[in-house]
């Protein structure tokens, strides 16, 4: 079971007053404790606990790729497209 699936199954605390939610026991014996302030979950499995942030790395990578692609397109258009006014160059005569 993925952590995102576990997060989707957890009840949401609407009042926002608590930092920690109710512990949730998965079928494989793992205890999951949702945390609202730093947005993530504590996972307790076999006596070992770990922190899992509620961040989707794929989404962050996709935003980075799209930002780079957009910057490349805008830069290419700025270099390749001539302005609608004539090209004026100033030269000094001595």
PDB file of N, CA and C in Angstrom:
ATOM      1  N   UNK A   1       0.835  -1.172   0.000  1.00  0.00           N
ATOM      2  CA  UNK A   1       0.000   0.000   0.000  1.00  0.00           C
ATOM      3  C   UNK A   1       0.886   1.243   0.000  1.00  0.00           C
ATOM      4  N   UNK A   2       0.617   2.184  -0.899  1.00  0.00           N
ATOM      5  CA  UNK A   2       1.395   3.411  -0.982  1.00  0.00           C
ATOM      6  C   UNK A   2       0.956   4.386   0.099  1.00  0.00           C
ATOM      7  N   UNK A   3       1.881   5.284   0.463  1.00  0.00           N
ATOM      8  CA  UNK A   3       1.569   6.264   1.503  1.00  0.00           C
ATOM      9  C   UNK A   3       0.468   7.212   1.057  1.00  0.00           C
ATOM     10  N   UNK A   4       0.427   7.541  -0.238  1.00  0.00           N
ATOM     11  CA  UNK A   4      -0.612   8.449  -0.721  1.00  0.00           C
ATOM     12  C   UNK A   4      -1.997   7.819  -0.587  1.00  0.00           C
ATOM     13  N   UNK A   5      -2.081   6.497  -0.762  1.00  0.00           N
ATOM     14  CA  UNK A   5      -3.355   5.807  -0.581  1.00  0.00           C
ATOM     15  C   UNK A   5      -3.789   5.839   0.881  1.00  0.00           C
ATOM     16  N   UNK A   6      -2.826   5.703   1.774  1.00  0.00           N
ATOM     17  CA  UNK A   6      -3.138   5.757   3.205  1.00  0.00           C
ATOM     18  C   UNK A   6      -3.611   7.155   3.571  1.00  0.00           C
ATOM     19  N   UNK A   7      -2.953   8.189   3.032  1.00  0.00           N
ATOM     20  CA  UNK A   7      -3.366   9.564   3.316  1.00  0.00           C
ATOM     21  C   UNK A   7      -4.778   9.845   2.829  1.00  0.00           C
ATOM     22  N   UNK A   8      -5.156   9.281   1.687  1.00  0.00           N
ATOM     23  CA  UNK A   8      -6.504   9.493   1.167  1.00  0.00           C
ATOM     24  C   UNK A   8      -7.561   8.838   2.039  1.00  0.00           C
ATOM     25  N   UNK A   9      -7.223   7.775   2.769  1.00  0.00           N
ATOM     26  CA  UNK A   9      -8.177   7.063   3.597  1.00  0.00           C
ATOM     27  C   UNK A   9      -8.364   7.695   4.971  1.00  0.00           C
ATOM     28  N   UNK A  10      -7.455   8.563   5.375  1.00  0.00           N
ATOM     29  CA  UNK A  10      -7.511   9.132   6.713  1.00  0.00           C
ATOM     30  C   UNK A  10      -8.612  10.166   6.831  1.00  0.00           C
ATOM     31  N   UNK A  11      -9.277  10.221   7.994  1.00  0.00           N
ATOM     32  CA  UNK A  11     -10.283  11.271   8.193  1.00  0.00           C
ATOM     33  C   UNK A  11      -9.609  12.633   8.330  1.00  0.00           C
ATOM     34  N   UNK A  12     -10.307  13.674   7.881  1.00  0.00           N
ATOM     35  CA  UNK A  12      -9.761  15.027   7.904  1.00  0.00           C
ATOM     36  C   UNK A  12     -10.324  15.762   9.110  1.00  0.00           C
ATOM     37  N   UNK A  13      -9.442  16.434   9.849  1.00  0.00           N
ATOM     38  CA  UNK A  13      -9.845  17.238  11.000  1.00  0.00           C
ATOM     39  C   UNK A  13     -10.233  18.623  10.494  1.00  0.00           C
ATOM     40  N   UNK A  14     -11.523  18.921  10.470  1.00  0.00           N
ATOM     41  CA  UNK A  14     -12.010  20.176   9.898  1.00  0.00           C
ATOM     42  C   UNK A  14     -11.760  21.391  10.800  1.00  0.00           C
ATOM     43  N   UNK A  15     -11.683  21.181  12.125  1.00  0.00           N
ATOM     44  CA  UNK A  15     -11.537  22.338  13.007  1.00  0.00           C
ATOM     45  C   UNK A  15     -10.109  22.869  13.028  1.00  0.00           C
ATOM     46  N   UNK A  16      -9.122  22.100  12.628  1.00  0.00           N
ATOM     47  CA  UNK A  16      -7.750  22.563  12.512  1.00  0.00           C
ATOM     48  C   UNK A  16      -7.085  22.879  13.841  1.00  0.00           C
ATOM     49  N   UNK A  17      -7.697  22.523  14.937  1.00  0.00           N
ATOM     50  CA  UNK A  17      -7.136  22.852  16.236  1.00  0.00           C
ATOM     51  C   UNK A  17      -6.056  21.880  16.679  1.00  0.00           C
ATOM     52  N   UNK A  18      -6.093  20.678  16.171  1.00  0.00           N
ATOM     53  CA  UNK A  18      -5.119  19.677  16.588  1.00  0.00           C
ATOM     54  C   UNK A  18      -3.987  19.594  15.583  1.00  0.00           C
ATOM     55  N   UNK A  19      -2.823  19.306  16.092  1.00  0.00           N
ATOM     56  CA  UNK A  19      -1.665  19.128  15.218  1.00  0.00           C
ATOM     57  C   UNK A  19      -1.566  17.673  14.771  1.00  0.00           C
ATOM     58  N   UNK A  20      -1.875  16.741  15.672  1.00  0.00           N
ATOM     59  CA  UNK A  20      -1.801  15.311  15.370  1.00  0.00           C
ATOM     60  C   UNK A  20      -3.204  14.746  15.250  1.00  0.00           C
ATOM     61  N   UNK A  21      -3.407  13.888  14.253  1.00  0.00           N
ATOM     62  CA  UNK A  21      -4.694  13.239  14.078  1.00  0.00           C
ATOM     63  C   UNK A  21      -4.750  11.929  14.844  1.00  0.00           C
ATOM     64  N   UNK A  22      -5.853  11.252  14.697  1.00  0.00           N
ATOM     65  CA  UNK A  22      -6.024   9.952  15.337  1.00  0.00           C
ATOM     66  C   UNK A  22      -5.148   8.912  14.646  1.00  0.00           C
ATOM     67  N   UNK A  23      -4.486   8.047  15.424  1.00  0.00           N
ATOM     68  CA  UNK A  23      -3.673   6.988  14.802  1.00  0.00           C
ATOM     69  C   UNK A  23      -4.546   6.046  13.973  1.00  0.00           C
ATOM     70  N   UNK A  24      -3.998   5.564  12.892  1.00  0.00           N
ATOM     71  CA  UNK A  24      -4.703   4.679  11.972  1.00  0.00           C
ATOM     72  C   UNK A  24      -3.872   3.415  11.817  1.00  0.00           C
ATOM     73  N   UNK A  25      -4.514   2.261  11.990  1.00  0.00           N
ATOM     74  CA  UNK A  25      -3.837   0.971  11.883  1.00  0.00           C
ATOM     75  C   UNK A  25      -4.123   0.375  10.510  1.00  0.00           C
ATOM     76  N   UNK A  26      -3.069   0.077   9.729  1.00  0.00           N
ATOM     77  CA  UNK A  26      -3.237  -0.542   8.418  1.00  0.00           C
ATOM     78  C   UNK A  26      -3.334  -2.056   8.575  1.00  0.00           C
ATOM     79  N   UNK A  27      -3.797  -2.768   7.550  1.00  0.00           N
ATOM     80  CA  UNK A  27      -3.931  -4.221   7.658  1.00  0.00           C
ATOM     81  C   UNK A  27      -2.611  -4.960   7.903  1.00  0.00           C
ATOM     82  N   UNK A  28      -1.468  -4.384   7.492  1.00  0.00           N
ATOM     83  CA  UNK A  28      -0.198  -5.065   7.701  1.00  0.00           C
ATOM     84  C   UNK A  28       0.428  -4.752   9.059  1.00  0.00           C
ATOM     85  N   UNK A  29      -0.291  -4.041   9.927  1.00  0.00           N
ATOM     86  CA  UNK A  29       0.192  -3.767  11.278  1.00  0.00           C
ATOM     87  C   UNK A  29       0.931  -2.453  11.439  1.00  0.00           C
ATOM     88  N   UNK A  30       0.991  -1.658  10.413  1.00  0.00           N
ATOM     89  CA  UNK A  30       1.665  -0.367  10.474  1.00  0.00           C
ATOM     90  C   UNK A  30       0.723   0.664  11.076  1.00  0.00           C
ATOM     91  N   UNK A  31       1.240   1.495  11.967  1.00  0.00           N
ATOM     92  CA  UNK A  31       0.454   2.580  12.545  1.00  0.00           C
ATOM     93  C   UNK A  31       0.829   3.871  11.848  1.00  0.00           C
ATOM     94  N   UNK A  32      -0.181   4.615  11.418  1.00  0.00           N
ATOM     95  CA  UNK A  32       0.012   5.869  10.711  1.00  0.00           C
ATOM     96  C   UNK A  32      -0.615   6.984  11.534  1.00  0.00           C
ATOM     97  N   UNK A  33       0.158   8.044  11.799  1.00  0.00           N
ATOM     98  CA  UNK A  33      -0.330   9.182  12.575  1.00  0.00           C
ATOM     99  C   UNK A  33      -0.233  10.424  11.684  1.00  0.00           C
ATOM    100  N   UNK A  34      -1.372  10.997  11.266  1.00  0.00           N
ATOM    101  CA  UNK A  34      -1.312  12.192  10.424  1.00  0.00           C
ATOM    102  C   UNK A  34      -0.945  13.430  11.243  1.00  0.00           C
ATOM    103  N   UNK A  35      -0.188  14.338  10.618  1.00  0.00           N
ATOM    104  CA  UNK A  35       0.237  15.578  11.256  1.00  0.00           C
ATOM    105  C   UNK A  35      -0.207  16.726  10.358  1.00  0.00           C
ATOM    106  N   UNK A  36      -0.948  17.693  10.921  1.00  0.00           N
ATOM    107  CA  UNK A  36      -1.499  18.757  10.092  1.00  0.00           C
ATOM    108  C   UNK A  36      -0.558  19.940   9.918  1.00  0.00           C
ATOM    109  N   UNK A  37       0.210  20.316  10.927  1.00  0.00           N
ATOM    110  CA  UNK A  37       1.043  21.519  10.818  1.00  0.00           C
ATOM    111  C   UNK A  37       2.173  21.348   9.807  1.00  0.00           C
ATOM    112  N   UNK A  38       3.079  20.345   9.926  1.00  0.00           N
ATOM    113  CA  UNK A  38       4.107  20.206   8.868  1.00  0.00           C
ATOM    114  C   UNK A  38       3.648  19.362   7.683  1.00  0.00           C
ATOM    115  N   UNK A  39       2.352  19.010   7.625  1.00  0.00           N
ATOM    116  CA  UNK A  39       1.756  18.291   6.502  1.00  0.00           C
ATOM    117  C   UNK A  39       2.509  17.020   6.130  1.00  0.00           C
ATOM    118  N   UNK A  40       2.212  15.976   6.828  1.00  0.00           N
ATOM    119  CA  UNK A  40       2.812  14.682   6.543  1.00  0.00           C
ATOM    120  C   UNK A  40       2.259  13.637   7.490  1.00  0.00           C
ATOM    121  N   UNK A  41       2.952  12.515   7.587  1.00  0.00           N
ATOM    122  CA  UNK A  41       2.526  11.444   8.491  1.00  0.00           C
ATOM    123  C   UNK A  41       3.751  10.835   9.170  1.00  0.00           C
ATOM    124  N   UNK A  42       3.515  10.363  10.386  1.00  0.00           N
ATOM    125  CA  UNK A  42       4.496   9.519  11.058  1.00  0.00           C
ATOM    126  C   UNK A  42       4.072   8.084  10.812  1.00  0.00           C
ATOM    127  N   UNK A  43       5.019   7.257  10.400  1.00  0.00           N
ATOM    128  CA  UNK A  43       4.752   5.843  10.142  1.00  0.00           C
ATOM    129  C   UNK A  43       5.521   5.037  11.180  1.00  0.00           C
ATOM    130  N   UNK A  44       4.806   4.201  11.932  1.00  0.00           N
ATOM    131  CA  UNK A  44       5.432   3.354  12.936  1.00  0.00           C
ATOM    132  C   UNK A  44       5.260   1.911  12.472  1.00  0.00           C
ATOM    133  N   UNK A  45       6.384   1.263  12.161  1.00  0.00           N
ATOM    134  CA  UNK A  45       6.359  -0.116  11.680  1.00  0.00           C
ATOM    135  C   UNK A  45       7.466  -0.897  12.374  1.00  0.00           C
ATOM    136  N   UNK A  46       7.130  -1.981  13.002  1.00  0.00           N
ATOM    137  CA  UNK A  46       8.081  -2.856  13.693  1.00  0.00           C
ATOM    138  C   UNK A  46       8.914  -2.102  14.726  1.00  0.00           C
ATOM    139  N   UNK A  47       8.300  -1.160  15.440  1.00  0.00           N
ATOM    140  CA  UNK A  47       8.991  -0.411  16.475  1.00  0.00           C
ATOM    141  C   UNK A  47       9.855   0.723  15.962  1.00  0.00           C
ATOM    142  N   UNK A  48       9.936   0.896  14.664  1.00  0.00           N
ATOM    143  CA  UNK A  48      10.721   1.966  14.057  1.00  0.00           C
ATOM    144  C   UNK A  48       9.764   3.021  13.496  1.00  0.00           C
ATOM    145  N   UNK A  49      10.045   4.285  13.766  1.00  0.00           N
ATOM    146  CA  UNK A  49       9.187   5.344  13.242  1.00  0.00           C
ATOM    147  C   UNK A  49       9.938   6.122  12.166  1.00  0.00           C
ATOM    148  N   UNK A  50       9.170   6.649  11.221  1.00  0.00           N
ATOM    149  CA  UNK A  50       9.752   7.478  10.166  1.00  0.00           C
ATOM    150  C   UNK A  50       8.764   8.561   9.796  1.00  0.00           C
ATOM    151  N   UNK A  51       9.295   9.657   9.286  1.00  0.00           N
ATOM    152  CA  UNK A  51       8.496  10.793   8.854  1.00  0.00           C
ATOM    153  C   UNK A  51       8.353  10.756   7.340  1.00  0.00           C
ATOM    154  N   UNK A  52       7.124  10.890   6.853  1.00  0.00           N
ATOM    155  CA  UNK A  52       6.863  10.924   5.417  1.00  0.00           C
ATOM    156  C   UNK A  52       6.139  12.229   5.116  1.00  0.00           C
ATOM    157  N   UNK A  53       6.820  13.182   4.448  1.00  0.00           N
ATOM    158  CA  UNK A  53       6.155  14.442   4.124  1.00  0.00           C
ATOM    159  C   UNK A  53       5.097  14.238   3.044  1.00  0.00           C
ATOM    160  N   UNK A  54       4.070  15.061   3.094  1.00  0.00           N
ATOM    161  CA  UNK A  54       2.990  14.968   2.105  1.00  0.00           C
ATOM    162  C   UNK A  54       3.346  15.820   0.893  1.00  0.00           C
ATOM    163  N   UNK A  55       4.419  15.441   0.215  1.00  0.00           N
ATOM    164  CA  UNK A  55       4.906  16.162  -0.961  1.00  0.00           C
ATOM    165  C   UNK A  55       4.992  15.172  -2.109  1.00  0.00           C
ATOM    166  N   UNK A  56       4.480  15.580  -3.245  1.00  0.00           N
ATOM    167  CA  UNK A  56       4.550  14.735  -4.429  1.00  0.00           C
ATOM    168  C   UNK A  56       5.762  15.171  -5.250  1.00  0.00           C
ATOM    169  N   UNK A  57       6.825  14.380  -5.211  1.00  0.00           N
ATOM    170  CA  UNK A  57       8.052  14.711  -5.927  1.00  0.00           C
ATOM    171  C   UNK A  57       7.868  14.766  -7.429  1.00  0.00           C
ATOM    172  N   UNK A  58       6.994  13.932  -7.959  1.00  0.00           N
ATOM    173  CA  UNK A  58       6.748  13.947  -9.404  1.00  0.00           C
ATOM    174  C   UNK A  58       6.119  15.258  -9.840  1.00  0.00           C
ATOM    175  N   UNK A  59       5.222  15.791  -9.031  1.00  0.00           N
ATOM    176  CA  UNK A  59       4.576  17.056  -9.370  1.00  0.00           C
ATOM    177  C   UNK A  59       5.590  18.197  -9.346  1.00  0.00           C
ATOM    178  N   UNK A  60       6.476  18.197  -8.363  1.00  0.00           N
ATOM    179  CA  UNK A  60       7.503  19.226  -8.280  1.00  0.00           C
ATOM    180  C   UNK A  60       8.440  19.143  -9.481  1.00  0.00           C
ATOM    181  N   UNK A  61       8.818  17.926  -9.868  1.00  0.00           N
ATOM    182  CA  UNK A  61       9.681  17.752 -11.038  1.00  0.00           C
ATOM    183  C   UNK A  61       8.977  18.208 -12.314  1.00  0.00           C
ATOM    184  N   UNK A  62       7.692  17.911 -12.435  1.00  0.00           N
ATOM    185  CA  UNK A  62       6.937  18.334 -13.619  1.00  0.00           C
ATOM    186  C   UNK A  62       6.856  19.854 -13.701  1.00  0.00           C
ATOM    187  N   UNK A  63       6.653  20.520 -12.583  1.00  0.00           N
ATOM    188  CA  UNK A  63       6.616  21.980 -12.576  1.00  0.00           C
ATOM    189  C   UNK A  63       7.971  22.542 -13.005  1.00  0.00           C
ATOM    190  N   UNK A  64       9.056  21.942 -12.545  1.00  0.00           N
ATOM    191  CA  UNK A  64      10.388  22.379 -12.950  1.00  0.00           C
ATOM    192  C   UNK A  64      10.633  22.200 -14.435  1.00  0.00           C
ATOM    193  N   UNK A  65      10.227  21.061 -14.975  1.00  0.00           N
ATOM    194  CA  UNK A  65      10.409  20.802 -16.406  1.00  0.00           C
ATOM    195  C   UNK A  65       9.574  21.770 -17.235  1.00  0.00           C
ATOM    196  N   UNK A  66       8.329  22.003 -16.836  1.00  0.00           N
ATOM    197  CA  UNK A  66       7.473  22.926 -17.583  1.00  0.00           C
ATOM    198  C   UNK A  66       7.991  24.359 -17.513  1.00  0.00           C
ATOM    199  N   UNK A  67       8.520  24.761 -16.365  1.00  0.00           N
ATOM    200  CA  UNK A  67       9.089  26.099 -16.233  1.00  0.00           C
ATOM    201  C   UNK A  67      10.300  26.259 -17.153  1.00  0.00           C
ATOM    202  N   UNK A  68      11.168  25.262 -17.199  1.00  0.00           N
ATOM    203  CA  UNK A  68      12.322  25.314 -18.091  1.00  0.00           C
ATOM    204  C   UNK A  68      11.918  25.331 -19.554  1.00  0.00           C
ATOM    205  N   UNK A  69      10.921  24.534 -19.905  1.00  0.00           N
ATOM    206  CA  UNK A  69      10.437  24.509 -21.286  1.00  0.00           C
ATOM    207  C   UNK A  69       9.841  25.849 -21.680  1.00  0.00           C
ATOM    208  N   UNK A  70       9.060  26.435 -20.804  1.00  0.00           N
ATOM    209  CA  UNK A  70       8.461  27.737 -21.078  1.00  0.00           C
ATOM    210  C   UNK A  70       9.532  28.811 -21.231  1.00  0.00           C
ATOM    211  N   UNK A  71      10.544  28.785 -20.378  1.00  0.00           N
ATOM    212  CA  UNK A  71      11.642  29.755 -20.481  1.00  0.00           C
ATOM    213  C   UNK A  71      12.394  29.582 -21.798  1.00  0.00           C
ATOM    214  N   UNK A  72      12.603  28.337 -22.226  1.00  0.00           N
ATOM    215  CA  UNK A  72      13.301  28.084 -23.490  1.00  0.00           C
ATOM    216  C   UNK A  72      12.482  28.583 -24.681  1.00  0.00           C
ATOM    217  N   UNK A  73      11.181  28.381 -24.649  1.00  0.00           N
ATOM    218  CA  UNK A  73      10.323  28.831 -25.747  1.00  0.00           C
ATOM    219  C   UNK A  73      10.300  30.355 -25.807  1.00  0.00           C
ATOM    220  N   UNK A  74      10.140  30.998 -24.670  1.00  0.00           N
ATOM    221  CA  UNK A  74      10.106  32.469 -24.650  1.00  0.00           C
ATOM    222  C   UNK A  74      11.456  33.038 -25.093  1.00  0.00           C
ATOM    223  N   UNK A  75      12.545  32.443 -24.626  1.00  0.00           N
ATOM    224  CA  UNK A  75      13.872  32.899 -25.047  1.00  0.00           C
ATOM    225  C   UNK A  75      14.098  32.713 -26.526  1.00  0.00           C
ATOM    226  N   UNK A  76      13.680  31.586 -27.062  1.00  0.00           N
ATOM    227  CA  UNK A  76      13.837  31.336 -28.500  1.00  0.00           C
ATOM    228  C   UNK A  76      13.019  32.313 -29.324  1.00  0.00           C
ATOM    229  N   UNK A  77      11.794  32.580 -28.902  1.00  0.00           N
ATOM    230  CA  UNK A  77      10.959  33.534 -29.626  1.00  0.00           C
ATOM    231  C   UNK A  77      11.557  34.936 -29.582  1.00  0.00           C
ATOM    232  N   UNK A  78      12.127  35.305 -28.459  1.00  0.00           N
ATOM    233  CA  UNK A  78      12.729  36.634 -28.350  1.00  0.00           C
ATOM    234  C   UNK A  78      13.939  36.771 -29.260  1.00  0.00           C
ATOM    235  N   UNK A  79      14.702  35.715 -29.440  1.00  0.00           N
ATOM    236  CA  UNK A  79      15.902  35.778 -30.281  1.00  0.00           C
ATOM    237  C   UNK A  79      15.547  35.664 -31.757  1.00  0.00           C
ATOM    238  N   UNK A  80      14.627  34.810 -32.114  1.00  0.00           N
ATOM    239  CA  UNK A  80      14.333  34.531 -33.516  1.00  0.00           C
ATOM    240  C   UNK A  80      13.394  35.532 -34.165  1.00  0.00           C
ATOM    241  N   UNK A  81      12.536  36.130 -33.397  1.00  0.00           N
ATOM    242  CA  UNK A  81      11.549  37.037 -33.976  1.00  0.00           C
ATOM    243  C   UNK A  81      12.105  38.455 -34.049  1.00  0.00           C
ATOM    244  N   UNK A  82      11.975  39.071 -35.216  1.00  0.00           N
ATOM    245  CA  UNK A  82      12.397  40.449 -35.404  1.00  0.00           C
ATOM    246  C   UNK A  82      11.284  41.365 -34.907  1.00  0.00           C
ATOM    247  N   UNK A  83      11.634  42.521 -34.353  1.00  0.00           N
ATOM    248  CA  UNK A  83      10.594  43.457 -33.940  1.00  0.00           C
ATOM    249  C   UNK A  83       9.901  44.058 -35.160  1.00  0.00           C
ATOM    250  N   UNK A  84       8.677  44.580 -35.025  1.00  0.00           N
ATOM    251  CA  UNK A  84       7.936  45.099 -36.185  1.00  0.00           C
ATOM    252  C   UNK A  84       8.487  46.421 -36.710  1.00  0.00           C
ATOM    253  N   UNK A  85       9.337  47.114 -35.997  1.00  0.00           N
ATOM    254  CA  UNK A  85       9.918  48.365 -36.483  1.00  0.00           C
ATOM    255  C   UNK A  85      11.249  48.071 -37.185  1.00  0.00           C
ATOM    256  N   UNK A  86      11.700  49.002 -38.040  1.00  0.00           N
ATOM    257  CA  UNK A  86      12.949  48.759 -38.771  1.00  0.00           C
ATOM    258  C   UNK A  86      14.152  48.779 -37.832  1.00  0.00           C
ATOM    259  N   UNK A  87      15.179  48.084 -38.252  1.00  0.00           N
ATOM    260  CA  UNK A  87      16.406  47.992 -37.474  1.00  0.00           C
ATOM    261  C   UNK A  87      17.189  49.294 -37.628  1.00  0.00           C
ATOM    262  N   UNK A  88      17.456  49.962 -36.541  1.00  0.00           N
ATOM    263  CA  UNK A  88      18.168  51.231 -36.560  1.00  0.00           C
ATOM    264  C   UNK A  88      19.501  51.032 -35.864  1.00  0.00           C
ATOM    265  N   UNK A  89      20.582  51.387 -36.554  1.00  0.00           N
ATOM    266  CA  UNK A  89      21.898  51.300 -35.937  1.00  0.00           C
ATOM    267  C   UNK A  89      22.503  52.694 -35.921  1.00  0.00           C
ATOM    268  N   UNK A  90      23.174  53.010 -34.862  1.00  0.00           N
ATOM    269  CA  UNK A  90      23.801  54.316 -34.720  1.00  0.00           C
ATOM    270  C   UNK A  90      25.298  54.119 -34.861  1.00  0.00           C
ATOM    271  N   UNK A  91      25.871  54.864 -35.797  1.00  0.00           N
ATOM    272  CA  UNK A  91      27.314  54.805 -36.009  1.00  0.00           C
ATOM    273  C   UNK A  91      27.874  56.211 -35.853  1.00  0.00           C
ATOM    274  N   UNK A  92      29.073  56.299 -35.376  1.00  0.00           N
ATOM    275  CA  UNK A  92      29.726  57.593 -35.195  1.00  0.00           C
ATOM    276  C   UNK A  92      30.640  57.838 -36.381  1.00  0.00           C
ATOM    277  N   UNK A  93      30.567  59.019 -36.934  1.00  0.00           N
ATOM    278  CA  UNK A  93      31.474  59.433 -38.013  1.00  0.00           C
ATOM    279  C   UNK A  93      32.495  60.390 -37.438  1.00  0.00           C
ATOM    280  N   UNK A  94      33.753  60.131 -37.618  1.00  0.00           N
ATOM    281  CA  UNK A  94      34.810  61.012 -37.103  1.00  0.00           C
ATOM    282  C   UNK A  94      35.580  61.604 -38.201  1.00  0.00           C
TER     283      UNK A  94
END
